[in-house]
Amino acid sequence: MGIPIQDCERTKATLNGSVIDKQGNPISKAEIYFENTPVDLSTPVKRTIYSDKTGHFGQEPIFFFKCEPINFTIKAAGFRKKTVSYILDYGLRNSLPKELNITLEKAQ
C-alpha cells in the first residue's frame, strides 16, 4: 500500500553527484543507472549516465512524482556494484540528497 497518486506531487529533479573509492579518489567512467517505480500505470523513467574523469555525474532535470522510489545501480570496472534507493520527497526518511555521493569498494 503506497501513497495515493492524488496525494503525491509531480516534481522536477536533477540527479547529480560523484563516485569515489574508499580513499576518496574519484572513479571515472562509473555507470550510474537509475529507474523510478511509478505510482501510477505510467512507463518508468530509465536512464544511464556516467561519471567524468573527476568522478562527477549530472543529468538534465527529469520529472518524477515525489513519493516514487528511484532505484540506482552504480558500477565501475574493478569495483563492487552498489544499489541504493531514494524518494524525492525531501525531508522524509530515505529522501534523495541534493548531491548523491557514492562510495564504491574494490572488487576482491
PDB file of N, CA and C in Angstrom:
ATOM      1  N   MET A   1       0.842  -1.183   0.000  1.00  0.00           N
ATOM      2  CA  MET A   1       0.000   0.000   0.000  1.00  0.00           C
ATOM      3  C   MET A   1       0.879   1.234   0.000  1.00  0.00           C
ATOM      4  N   GLY A   2       0.779   2.050  -1.023  1.00  0.00           N
ATOM      5  CA  GLY A   2       1.586   3.251  -1.143  1.00  0.00           C
ATOM      6  C   GLY A   2       0.758   4.496  -0.928  1.00  0.00           C
ATOM      7  N   ILE A   3       1.352   5.610  -1.255  1.00  0.00           N
ATOM      8  CA  ILE A   3       0.667   6.893  -1.161  1.00  0.00           C
ATOM      9  C   ILE A   3      -0.227   7.037  -2.389  1.00  0.00           C
ATOM     10  N   PRO A   4      -1.508   7.403  -2.216  1.00  0.00           N
ATOM     11  CA  PRO A   4      -2.384   7.582  -3.378  1.00  0.00           C
ATOM     12  C   PRO A   4      -1.817   8.647  -4.308  1.00  0.00           C
ATOM     13  N   ILE A   5      -1.910   8.423  -5.619  1.00  0.00           N
ATOM     14  CA  ILE A   5      -1.315   9.331  -6.586  1.00  0.00           C
ATOM     15  C   ILE A   5      -1.827  10.761  -6.416  1.00  0.00           C
ATOM     16  N   GLN A   6      -3.074  10.939  -6.021  1.00  0.00           N
ATOM     17  CA  GLN A   6      -3.591  12.289  -5.847  1.00  0.00           C
ATOM     18  C   GLN A   6      -2.906  13.026  -4.693  1.00  0.00           C
ATOM     19  N   ASP A   7      -2.239  12.301  -3.806  1.00  0.00           N
ATOM     20  CA  ASP A   7      -1.513  12.896  -2.684  1.00  0.00           C
ATOM     21  C   ASP A   7      -0.012  13.009  -2.958  1.00  0.00           C
ATOM     22  N   CYS A   8       0.382  12.700  -4.160  1.00  0.00           N
ATOM     23  CA  CYS A   8       1.805  12.657  -4.498  1.00  0.00           C
ATOM     24  C   CYS A   8       2.085  13.684  -5.597  1.00  0.00           C
ATOM     25  N   GLU A   9       2.826  14.702  -5.265  1.00  0.00           N
ATOM     26  CA  GLU A   9       3.098  15.815  -6.173  1.00  0.00           C
ATOM     27  C   GLU A   9       4.165  15.460  -7.214  1.00  0.00           C
ATOM     28  N   ARG A  10       3.927  15.875  -8.441  1.00  0.00           N
ATOM     29  CA  ARG A  10       4.913  15.698  -9.518  1.00  0.00           C
ATOM     30  C   ARG A  10       5.936  16.823  -9.397  1.00  0.00           C
ATOM     31  N   THR A  11       7.225  16.479  -9.507  1.00  0.00           N
ATOM     32  CA  THR A  11       8.270  17.478  -9.333  1.00  0.00           C
ATOM     33  C   THR A  11       9.443  17.192 -10.259  1.00  0.00           C
ATOM     34  N   LYS A  12      10.286  18.180 -10.385  1.00  0.00           N
ATOM     35  CA  LYS A  12      11.471  18.074 -11.242  1.00  0.00           C
ATOM     36  C   LYS A  12      12.675  17.766 -10.350  1.00  0.00           C
ATOM     37  N   ALA A  13      13.516  16.836 -10.799  1.00  0.00           N
ATOM     38  CA  ALA A  13      14.729  16.506 -10.050  1.00  0.00           C
ATOM     39  C   ALA A  13      15.919  16.523 -10.992  1.00  0.00           C
ATOM     40  N   THR A  14      17.023  17.043 -10.506  1.00  0.00           N
ATOM     41  CA  THR A  14      18.278  16.985 -11.233  1.00  0.00           C
ATOM     42  C   THR A  14      19.180  16.045 -10.446  1.00  0.00           C
ATOM     43  N   LEU A  15      19.501  14.936 -11.054  1.00  0.00           N
ATOM     44  CA  LEU A  15      20.316  13.935 -10.379  1.00  0.00           C
ATOM     45  C   LEU A  15      21.780  14.211 -10.670  1.00  0.00           C
ATOM     46  N   ASN A  16      22.538  14.490  -9.616  1.00  0.00           N
ATOM     47  CA  ASN A  16      23.962  14.730  -9.799  1.00  0.00           C
ATOM     48  C   ASN A  16      24.701  14.329  -8.540  1.00  0.00           C
ATOM     49  N   GLY A  17      26.002  14.159  -8.671  1.00  0.00           N
ATOM     50  CA  GLY A  17      26.822  13.758  -7.534  1.00  0.00           C
ATOM     51  C   GLY A  17      28.192  13.311  -7.985  1.00  0.00           C
ATOM     52  N   SER A  18      28.765  12.405  -7.218  1.00  0.00           N
ATOM     53  CA  SER A  18      30.092  11.908  -7.557  1.00  0.00           C
ATOM     54  C   SER A  18      30.240  10.462  -7.109  1.00  0.00           C
ATOM     55  N   VAL A  19      31.204   9.791  -7.730  1.00  0.00           N
ATOM     56  CA  VAL A  19      31.525   8.408  -7.391  1.00  0.00           C
ATOM     57  C   VAL A  19      32.995   8.381  -7.005  1.00  0.00           C
ATOM     58  N   ILE A  20      33.267   7.853  -5.798  1.00  0.00           N
ATOM     59  CA  ILE A  20      34.635   7.796  -5.295  1.00  0.00           C
ATOM     60  C   ILE A  20      34.922   6.411  -4.722  1.00  0.00           C
ATOM     61  N   ASP A  21      36.215   6.137  -4.481  1.00  0.00           N
ATOM     62  CA  ASP A  21      36.576   4.908  -3.787  1.00  0.00           C
ATOM     63  C   ASP A  21      36.687   5.206  -2.289  1.00  0.00           C
ATOM     64  N   LYS A  22      36.999   4.188  -1.484  1.00  0.00           N
ATOM     65  CA  LYS A  22      37.046   4.360  -0.027  1.00  0.00           C
ATOM     66  C   LYS A  22      38.112   5.356   0.428  1.00  0.00           C
ATOM     67  N   GLN A  23      39.117   5.603  -0.402  1.00  0.00           N
ATOM     68  CA  GLN A  23      40.170   6.561  -0.061  1.00  0.00           C
ATOM     69  C   GLN A  23      39.816   7.982  -0.508  1.00  0.00           C
ATOM     70  N   GLY A  24      38.655   8.136  -1.152  1.00  0.00           N
ATOM     71  CA  GLY A  24      38.227   9.461  -1.604  1.00  0.00           C
ATOM     72  C   GLY A  24      38.683   9.812  -3.004  1.00  0.00           C
ATOM     73  N   ASN A  25      39.271   8.853  -3.715  1.00  0.00           N
ATOM     74  CA  ASN A  25      39.718   9.092  -5.088  1.00  0.00           C
ATOM     75  C   ASN A  25      38.533   8.995  -6.050  1.00  0.00           C
ATOM     76  N   PRO A  26      38.463   9.891  -7.032  1.00  0.00           N
ATOM     77  CA  PRO A  26      37.351   9.838  -7.991  1.00  0.00           C
ATOM     78  C   PRO A  26      37.427   8.587  -8.856  1.00  0.00           C
ATOM     79  N   ILE A  27      36.272   8.090  -9.225  1.00  0.00           N
ATOM     80  CA  ILE A  27      36.168   6.941 -10.136  1.00  0.00           C
ATOM     81  C   ILE A  27      35.555   7.456 -11.428  1.00  0.00           C
ATOM     82  N   SER A  28      36.349   7.455 -12.482  1.00  0.00           N
ATOM     83  CA  SER A  28      35.839   7.908 -13.781  1.00  0.00           C
ATOM     84  C   SER A  28      35.170   6.748 -14.509  1.00  0.00           C
ATOM     85  N   LYS A  29      34.279   7.083 -15.399  1.00  0.00           N
ATOM     86  CA  LYS A  29      33.554   6.120 -16.233  1.00  0.00           C
ATOM     87  C   LYS A  29      32.703   5.146 -15.431  1.00  0.00           C
ATOM     88  N   ALA A  30      32.304   5.535 -14.213  1.00  0.00           N
ATOM     89  CA  ALA A  30      31.356   4.712 -13.451  1.00  0.00           C
ATOM     90  C   ALA A  30      29.994   4.839 -14.123  1.00  0.00           C
ATOM     91  N   GLU A  31      29.287   3.739 -14.202  1.00  0.00           N
ATOM     92  CA  GLU A  31      27.950   3.721 -14.804  1.00  0.00           C
ATOM     93  C   GLU A  31      26.928   3.912 -13.696  1.00  0.00           C
ATOM     94  N   ILE A  32      26.089   4.920 -13.839  1.00  0.00           N
ATOM     95  CA  ILE A  32      25.021   5.196 -12.885  1.00  0.00           C
ATOM     96  C   ILE A  32      23.704   4.978 -13.622  1.00  0.00           C
ATOM     97  N   TYR A  33      23.034   3.874 -13.296  1.00  0.00           N
ATOM     98  CA  TYR A  33      21.745   3.548 -13.907  1.00  0.00           C
ATOM     99  C   TYR A  33      20.672   3.866 -12.876  1.00  0.00           C
ATOM    100  N   PHE A  34      19.622   4.553 -13.292  1.00  0.00           N
ATOM    101  CA  PHE A  34      18.520   4.786 -12.372  1.00  0.00           C
ATOM    102  C   PHE A  34      17.190   4.565 -13.060  1.00  0.00           C
ATOM    103  N   GLU A  35      16.233   4.165 -12.243  1.00  0.00           N
ATOM    104  CA  GLU A  35      14.884   3.870 -12.717  1.00  0.00           C
ATOM    105  C   GLU A  35      13.913   4.151 -11.580  1.00  0.00           C
ATOM    106  N   ASN A  36      12.816   4.825 -11.906  1.00  0.00           N
ATOM    107  CA  ASN A  36      11.808   5.064 -10.880  1.00  0.00           C
ATOM    108  C   ASN A  36      10.797   3.919 -10.862  1.00  0.00           C
ATOM    109  N   THR A  37      10.049   3.832  -9.789  1.00  0.00           N
ATOM    110  CA  THR A  37       8.946   2.891  -9.672  1.00  0.00           C
ATOM    111  C   THR A  37       7.673   3.737  -9.683  1.00  0.00           C
ATOM    112  N   PRO A  38       6.989   3.830 -10.831  1.00  0.00           N
ATOM    113  CA  PRO A  38       5.838   4.733 -10.943  1.00  0.00           C
ATOM    114  C   PRO A  38       4.719   4.422  -9.952  1.00  0.00           C
ATOM    115  N   VAL A  39       4.099   5.483  -9.435  1.00  0.00           N
ATOM    116  CA  VAL A  39       2.959   5.327  -8.531  1.00  0.00           C
ATOM    117  C   VAL A  39       1.660   5.150  -9.325  1.00  0.00           C
ATOM    118  N   ASP A  40       1.717   5.437 -10.614  1.00  0.00           N
ATOM    119  CA  ASP A  40       0.547   5.223 -11.461  1.00  0.00           C
ATOM    120  C   ASP A  40       0.912   4.121 -12.468  1.00  0.00           C
ATOM    121  N   LEU A  41       0.231   4.024 -13.536  1.00  0.00           N
ATOM    122  CA  LEU A  41       0.498   2.976 -14.521  1.00  0.00           C
ATOM    123  C   LEU A  41       1.398   3.459 -15.649  1.00  0.00           C
ATOM    124  N   SER A  42       2.115   4.544 -15.429  1.00  0.00           N
ATOM    125  CA  SER A  42       2.981   5.093 -16.471  1.00  0.00           C
ATOM    126  C   SER A  42       4.248   4.268 -16.633  1.00  0.00           C
ATOM    127  N   THR A  43       4.943   4.529 -17.723  1.00  0.00           N
ATOM    128  CA  THR A  43       6.206   3.858 -18.012  1.00  0.00           C
ATOM    129  C   THR A  43       7.307   4.433 -17.120  1.00  0.00           C
ATOM    130  N   PRO A  44       8.128   3.578 -16.517  1.00  0.00           N
ATOM    131  CA  PRO A  44       9.212   4.091 -15.666  1.00  0.00           C
ATOM    132  C   PRO A  44      10.205   4.935 -16.467  1.00  0.00           C
ATOM    133  N   VAL A  45      10.795   5.898 -15.784  1.00  0.00           N
ATOM    134  CA  VAL A  45      11.892   6.670 -16.354  1.00  0.00           C
ATOM    135  C   VAL A  45      13.152   5.866 -16.104  1.00  0.00           C
ATOM    136  N   LYS A  46      13.887   5.534 -17.163  1.00  0.00           N
ATOM    137  CA  LYS A  46      15.105   4.740 -17.056  1.00  0.00           C
ATOM    138  C   LYS A  46      16.222   5.492 -17.764  1.00  0.00           C
ATOM    139  N   ARG A  47      17.334   5.687 -17.083  1.00  0.00           N
ATOM    140  CA  ARG A  47      18.465   6.397 -17.684  1.00  0.00           C
ATOM    141  C   ARG A  47      19.780   5.789 -17.195  1.00  0.00           C
ATOM    142  N   THR A  48      20.779   5.930 -18.027  1.00  0.00           N
ATOM    143  CA  THR A  48      22.150   5.579 -17.638  1.00  0.00           C
ATOM    144  C   THR A  48      23.012   6.792 -17.922  1.00  0.00           C
ATOM    145  N   ILE A  49      23.774   7.198 -16.921  1.00  0.00           N
ATOM    146  CA  ILE A  49      24.722   8.297 -17.078  1.00  0.00           C
ATOM    147  C   ILE A  49      26.073   7.809 -16.563  1.00  0.00           C
ATOM    148  N   TYR A  50      27.121   8.525 -16.864  1.00  0.00           N
ATOM    149  CA  TYR A  50      28.473   8.106 -16.495  1.00  0.00           C
ATOM    150  C   TYR A  50      29.207   9.231 -15.777  1.00  0.00           C
ATOM    151  N   SER A  51      30.075   8.833 -14.863  1.00  0.00           N
ATOM    152  CA  SER A  51      30.893   9.836 -14.182  1.00  0.00           C
ATOM    153  C   SER A  51      32.022  10.276 -15.110  1.00  0.00           C
ATOM    154  N   ASP A  52      32.438  11.531 -14.950  1.00  0.00           N
ATOM    155  CA  ASP A  52      33.529  12.050 -15.762  1.00  0.00           C
ATOM    156  C   ASP A  52      34.872  11.736 -15.097  1.00  0.00           C
ATOM    157  N   LYS A  53      35.952  12.301 -15.599  1.00  0.00           N
ATOM    158  CA  LYS A  53      37.294  11.977 -15.079  1.00  0.00           C
ATOM    159  C   LYS A  53      37.494  12.439 -13.638  1.00  0.00           C
ATOM    160  N   THR A  54      36.644  13.354 -13.167  1.00  0.00           N
ATOM    161  CA  THR A  54      36.734  13.800 -11.769  1.00  0.00           C
ATOM    162  C   THR A  54      35.761  13.035 -10.863  1.00  0.00           C
ATOM    163  N   GLY A  55      35.065  12.036 -11.438  1.00  0.00           N
ATOM    164  CA  GLY A  55      34.113  11.237 -10.669  1.00  0.00           C
ATOM    165  C   GLY A  55      32.719  11.830 -10.591  1.00  0.00           C
ATOM    166  N   HIS A  56      32.528  13.035 -11.136  1.00  0.00           N
ATOM    167  CA  HIS A  56      31.222  13.697 -11.068  1.00  0.00           C
ATOM    168  C   HIS A  56      30.288  13.224 -12.178  1.00  0.00           C
ATOM    169  N   PHE A  57      29.007  13.300 -11.882  1.00  0.00           N
ATOM    170  CA  PHE A  57      27.989  12.997 -12.888  1.00  0.00           C
ATOM    171  C   PHE A  57      26.841  13.970 -12.707  1.00  0.00           C
ATOM    172  N   GLY A  58      26.071  14.150 -13.754  1.00  0.00           N
ATOM    173  CA  GLY A  58      24.913  15.039 -13.709  1.00  0.00           C
ATOM    174  C   GLY A  58      23.919  14.636 -14.771  1.00  0.00           C
ATOM    175  N   GLN A  59      22.711  15.107 -14.618  1.00  0.00           N
ATOM    176  CA  GLN A  59      21.642  14.749 -15.538  1.00  0.00           C
ATOM    177  C   GLN A  59      20.728  15.943 -15.698  1.00  0.00           C
ATOM    178  N   GLU A  60      20.233  16.143 -16.896  1.00  0.00           N
ATOM    179  CA  GLU A  60      19.221  17.170 -17.118  1.00  0.00           C
ATOM    180  C   GLU A  60      18.028  16.871 -16.205  1.00  0.00           C
ATOM    181  N   PRO A  61      17.283  17.882 -15.807  1.00  0.00           N
ATOM    182  CA  PRO A  61      16.134  17.641 -14.930  1.00  0.00           C
ATOM    183  C   PRO A  61      15.162  16.622 -15.520  1.00  0.00           C
ATOM    184  N   ILE A  62      14.641  15.795 -14.643  1.00  0.00           N
ATOM    185  CA  ILE A  62      13.682  14.756 -15.002  1.00  0.00           C
ATOM    186  C   ILE A  62      12.482  14.913 -14.083  1.00  0.00           C
ATOM    187  N   PHE A  63      11.287  14.633 -14.580  1.00  0.00           N
ATOM    188  CA  PHE A  63      10.089  14.744 -13.763  1.00  0.00           C
ATOM    189  C   PHE A  63       9.713  13.389 -13.174  1.00  0.00           C
ATOM    190  N   PHE A  64       9.495  13.394 -11.864  1.00  0.00           N
ATOM    191  CA  PHE A  64       9.049  12.226 -11.116  1.00  0.00           C
ATOM    192  C   PHE A  64       7.949  12.674 -10.160  1.00  0.00           C
ATOM    193  N   PHE A  65       7.222  11.714  -9.632  1.00  0.00           N
ATOM    194  CA  PHE A  65       6.348  12.005  -8.502  1.00  0.00           C
ATOM    195  C   PHE A  65       7.199  11.912  -7.249  1.00  0.00           C
ATOM    196  N   LYS A  66       6.979  12.824  -6.302  1.00  0.00           N
ATOM    197  CA  LYS A  66       7.803  12.897  -5.094  1.00  0.00           C
ATOM    198  C   LYS A  66       7.835  11.598  -4.290  1.00  0.00           C
ATOM    199  N   CYS A  67       6.757  10.843  -4.313  1.00  0.00           N
ATOM    200  CA  CYS A  67       6.691   9.637  -3.492  1.00  0.00           C
ATOM    201  C   CYS A  67       7.192   8.386  -4.216  1.00  0.00           C
ATOM    202  N   GLU A  68       7.645   8.532  -5.452  1.00  0.00           N
ATOM    203  CA  GLU A  68       8.135   7.371  -6.202  1.00  0.00           C
ATOM    204  C   GLU A  68       9.552   7.002  -5.795  1.00  0.00           C
ATOM    205  N   PRO A  69       9.802   5.737  -5.521  1.00  0.00           N
ATOM    206  CA  PRO A  69      11.184   5.321  -5.293  1.00  0.00           C
ATOM    207  C   PRO A  69      11.999   5.439  -6.586  1.00  0.00           C
ATOM    208  N   ILE A  70      13.236   5.869  -6.434  1.00  0.00           N
ATOM    209  CA  ILE A  70      14.187   5.896  -7.546  1.00  0.00           C
ATOM    210  C   ILE A  70      15.308   4.944  -7.160  1.00  0.00           C
ATOM    211  N   ASN A  71      15.495   3.924  -7.966  1.00  0.00           N
ATOM    212  CA  ASN A  71      16.484   2.892  -7.689  1.00  0.00           C
ATOM    213  C   ASN A  71      17.724   3.138  -8.530  1.00  0.00           C
ATOM    214  N   PHE A  72      18.879   3.151  -7.875  1.00  0.00           N
ATOM    215  CA  PHE A  72      20.154   3.397  -8.534  1.00  0.00           C
ATOM    216  C   PHE A  72      21.013   2.141  -8.477  1.00  0.00           C
ATOM    217  N   THR A  73      21.682   1.850  -9.582  1.00  0.00           N
ATOM    218  CA  THR A  73      22.705   0.805  -9.615  1.00  0.00           C
ATOM    219  C   THR A  73      23.960   1.468 -10.159  1.00  0.00           C
ATOM    220  N   ILE A  74      25.034   1.382  -9.378  1.00  0.00           N
ATOM    221  CA  ILE A  74      26.285   2.038  -9.748  1.00  0.00           C
ATOM    222  C   ILE A  74      27.349   0.968  -9.882  1.00  0.00           C
ATOM    223  N   LYS A  75      28.064   0.987 -11.011  1.00  0.00           N
ATOM    224  CA  LYS A  75      29.135   0.010 -11.198  1.00  0.00           C
ATOM    225  C   LYS A  75      30.276   0.621 -11.980  1.00  0.00           C
ATOM    226  N   ALA A  76      31.459   0.087 -11.716  1.00  0.00           N
ATOM    227  CA  ALA A  76      32.677   0.538 -12.399  1.00  0.00           C
ATOM    228  C   ALA A  76      33.649  -0.629 -12.431  1.00  0.00           C
ATOM    229  N   ALA A  77      34.471  -0.667 -13.450  1.00  0.00           N
ATOM    230  CA  ALA A  77      35.456  -1.737 -13.603  1.00  0.00           C
ATOM    231  C   ALA A  77      36.361  -1.795 -12.369  1.00  0.00           C
ATOM    232  N   GLY A  78      36.513  -2.995 -11.800  1.00  0.00           N
ATOM    233  CA  GLY A  78      37.381  -3.193 -10.645  1.00  0.00           C
ATOM    234  C   GLY A  78      36.727  -2.912  -9.311  1.00  0.00           C
ATOM    235  N   PHE A  79      35.418  -2.577  -9.313  1.00  0.00           N
ATOM    236  CA  PHE A  79      34.709  -2.248  -8.076  1.00  0.00           C
ATOM    237  C   PHE A  79      33.439  -3.083  -7.953  1.00  0.00           C
ATOM    238  N   ARG A  80      32.985  -3.247  -6.717  1.00  0.00           N
ATOM    239  CA  ARG A  80      31.733  -3.949  -6.460  1.00  0.00           C
ATOM    240  C   ARG A  80      30.554  -3.063  -6.854  1.00  0.00           C
ATOM    241  N   LYS A  81      29.562  -3.670  -7.455  1.00  0.00           N
ATOM    242  CA  LYS A  81      28.333  -2.972  -7.824  1.00  0.00           C
ATOM    243  C   LYS A  81      27.608  -2.553  -6.547  1.00  0.00           C
ATOM    244  N   LYS A  82      26.982  -1.379  -6.587  1.00  0.00           N
ATOM    245  CA  LYS A  82      26.231  -0.875  -5.432  1.00  0.00           C
ATOM    246  C   LYS A  82      24.837  -0.486  -5.877  1.00  0.00           C
ATOM    247  N   THR A  83      23.845  -0.826  -5.067  1.00  0.00           N
ATOM    248  CA  THR A  83      22.457  -0.476  -5.358  1.00  0.00           C
ATOM    249  C   THR A  83      21.902   0.314  -4.170  1.00  0.00           C
ATOM    250  N   VAL A  84      21.267   1.446  -4.472  1.00  0.00           N
ATOM    251  CA  VAL A  84      20.632   2.274  -3.444  1.00  0.00           C
ATOM    252  C   VAL A  84      19.277   2.745  -3.961  1.00  0.00           C
ATOM    253  N   SER A  85      18.397   3.101  -3.046  1.00  0.00           N
ATOM    254  CA  SER A  85      17.069   3.570  -3.421  1.00  0.00           C
ATOM    255  C   SER A  85      16.708   4.787  -2.577  1.00  0.00           C
ATOM    256  N   TYR A  86      16.096   5.781  -3.225  1.00  0.00           N
ATOM    257  CA  TYR A  86      15.687   7.010  -2.558  1.00  0.00           C
ATOM    258  C   TYR A  86      14.318   7.425  -3.085  1.00  0.00           C
ATOM    259  N   ILE A  87      13.687   8.365  -2.389  1.00  0.00           N
ATOM    260  CA  ILE A  87      12.492   9.025  -2.902  1.00  0.00           C
ATOM    261  C   ILE A  87      12.804  10.517  -2.994  1.00  0.00           C
ATOM    262  N   LEU A  88      12.009  11.261  -3.743  1.00  0.00           N
ATOM    263  CA  LEU A  88      12.271  12.683  -3.953  1.00  0.00           C
ATOM    264  C   LEU A  88      11.681  13.591  -2.882  1.00  0.00           C
ATOM    265  N   ASP A  89      10.812  13.080  -2.063  1.00  0.00           N
ATOM    266  CA  ASP A  89      10.138  13.926  -1.077  1.00  0.00           C
ATOM    267  C   ASP A  89      11.121  14.339   0.010  1.00  0.00           C
ATOM    268  N   TYR A  90      11.824  15.437  -0.246  1.00  0.00           N
ATOM    269  CA  TYR A  90      12.868  15.912   0.644  1.00  0.00           C
ATOM    270  C   TYR A  90      12.338  16.123   2.052  1.00  0.00           C
ATOM    271  N   GLY A  91      13.140  15.746   3.008  1.00  0.00           N
ATOM    272  CA  GLY A  91      12.752  15.889   4.403  1.00  0.00           C
ATOM    273  C   GLY A  91      12.206  14.599   4.990  1.00  0.00           C
ATOM    274  N   LEU A  92      11.845  13.662   4.146  1.00  0.00           N
ATOM    275  CA  LEU A  92      11.385  12.372   4.637  1.00  0.00           C
ATOM    276  C   LEU A  92      12.570  11.415   4.750  1.00  0.00           C
ATOM    277  N   ARG A  93      12.376  10.366   5.503  1.00  0.00           N
ATOM    278  CA  ARG A  93      13.407   9.344   5.631  1.00  0.00           C
ATOM    279  C   ARG A  93      13.720   8.766   4.255  1.00  0.00           C
ATOM    280  N   ASN A  94      14.977   8.551   3.995  1.00  0.00           N
ATOM    281  CA  ASN A  94      15.460   7.994   2.733  1.00  0.00           C
ATOM    282  C   ASN A  94      15.158   8.897   1.530  1.00  0.00           C
ATOM    283  N   SER A  95      15.133  10.206   1.752  1.00  0.00           N
ATOM    284  CA  SER A  95      14.918  11.111   0.624  1.00  0.00           C
ATOM    285  C   SER A  95      16.242  11.342  -0.111  1.00  0.00           C
ATOM    286  N   LEU A  96      16.141  11.570  -1.394  1.00  0.00           N
ATOM    287  CA  LEU A  96      17.305  11.769  -2.246  1.00  0.00           C
ATOM    288  C   LEU A  96      18.079  13.002  -1.801  1.00  0.00           C
ATOM    289  N   PRO A  97      19.383  12.848  -1.522  1.00  0.00           N
ATOM    290  CA  PRO A  97      20.168  14.028  -1.150  1.00  0.00           C
ATOM    291  C   PRO A  97      20.302  14.979  -2.342  1.00  0.00           C
ATOM    292  N   LYS A  98      20.564  16.248  -2.061  1.00  0.00           N
ATOM    293  CA  LYS A  98      20.734  17.240  -3.137  1.00  0.00           C
ATOM    294  C   LYS A  98      21.886  16.851  -4.052  1.00  0.00           C
ATOM    295  N   GLU A  99      22.916  16.227  -3.482  1.00  0.00           N
ATOM    296  CA  GLU A  99      24.025  15.689  -4.275  1.00  0.00           C
ATOM    297  C   GLU A  99      24.262  14.268  -3.796  1.00  0.00           C
ATOM    298  N   LEU A 100      24.213  13.331  -4.728  1.00  0.00           N
ATOM    299  CA  LEU A 100      24.347  11.913  -4.417  1.00  0.00           C
ATOM    300  C   LEU A 100      25.817  11.516  -4.520  1.00  0.00           C
ATOM    301  N   ASN A 101      26.444  11.262  -3.383  1.00  0.00           N
ATOM    302  CA  ASN A 101      27.853  10.867  -3.361  1.00  0.00           C
ATOM    303  C   ASN A 101      27.936   9.383  -3.045  1.00  0.00           C
ATOM    304  N   ILE A 102      28.485   8.639  -3.974  1.00  0.00           N
ATOM    305  CA  ILE A 102      28.536   7.183  -3.899  1.00  0.00           C
ATOM    306  C   ILE A 102      29.983   6.735  -3.671  1.00  0.00           C
ATOM    307  N   THR A 103      30.172   5.854  -2.708  1.00  0.00           N
ATOM    308  CA  THR A 103      31.481   5.264  -2.460  1.00  0.00           C
ATOM    309  C   THR A 103      31.416   3.793  -2.860  1.00  0.00           C
ATOM    310  N   LEU A 104      32.325   3.401  -3.756  1.00  0.00           N
ATOM    311  CA  LEU A 104      32.394   2.007  -4.186  1.00  0.00           C
ATOM    312  C   LEU A 104      33.596   1.324  -3.551  1.00  0.00           C
ATOM    313  N   GLU A 105      33.435   0.029  -3.273  1.00  0.00           N
ATOM    314  CA  GLU A 105      34.516  -0.780  -2.716  1.00  0.00           C
ATOM    315  C   GLU A 105      35.192  -1.545  -3.846  1.00  0.00           C
ATOM    316  N   LYS A 106      36.496  -1.723  -3.715  1.00  0.00           N
ATOM    317  CA  LYS A 106      37.258  -2.516  -4.693  1.00  0.00           C
ATOM    318  C   LYS A 106      36.725  -3.937  -4.722  1.00  0.00           C
ATOM    319  N   ALA A 107      36.690  -4.539  -5.888  1.00  0.00           N
ATOM    320  CA  ALA A 107      36.288  -5.935  -6.020  1.00  0.00           C
ATOM    321  C   ALA A 107      37.410  -6.826  -5.505  1.00  0.00           C
ATOM    322  N   GLN A 108      37.045  -7.935  -4.939  1.00  0.00           N
ATOM    323  CA  GLN A 108      38.046  -8.872  -4.401  1.00  0.00           C
ATOM    324  C   GLN A 108      38.597  -9.735  -5.504  1.00  0.00           C
TER     325      GLN A 108
END
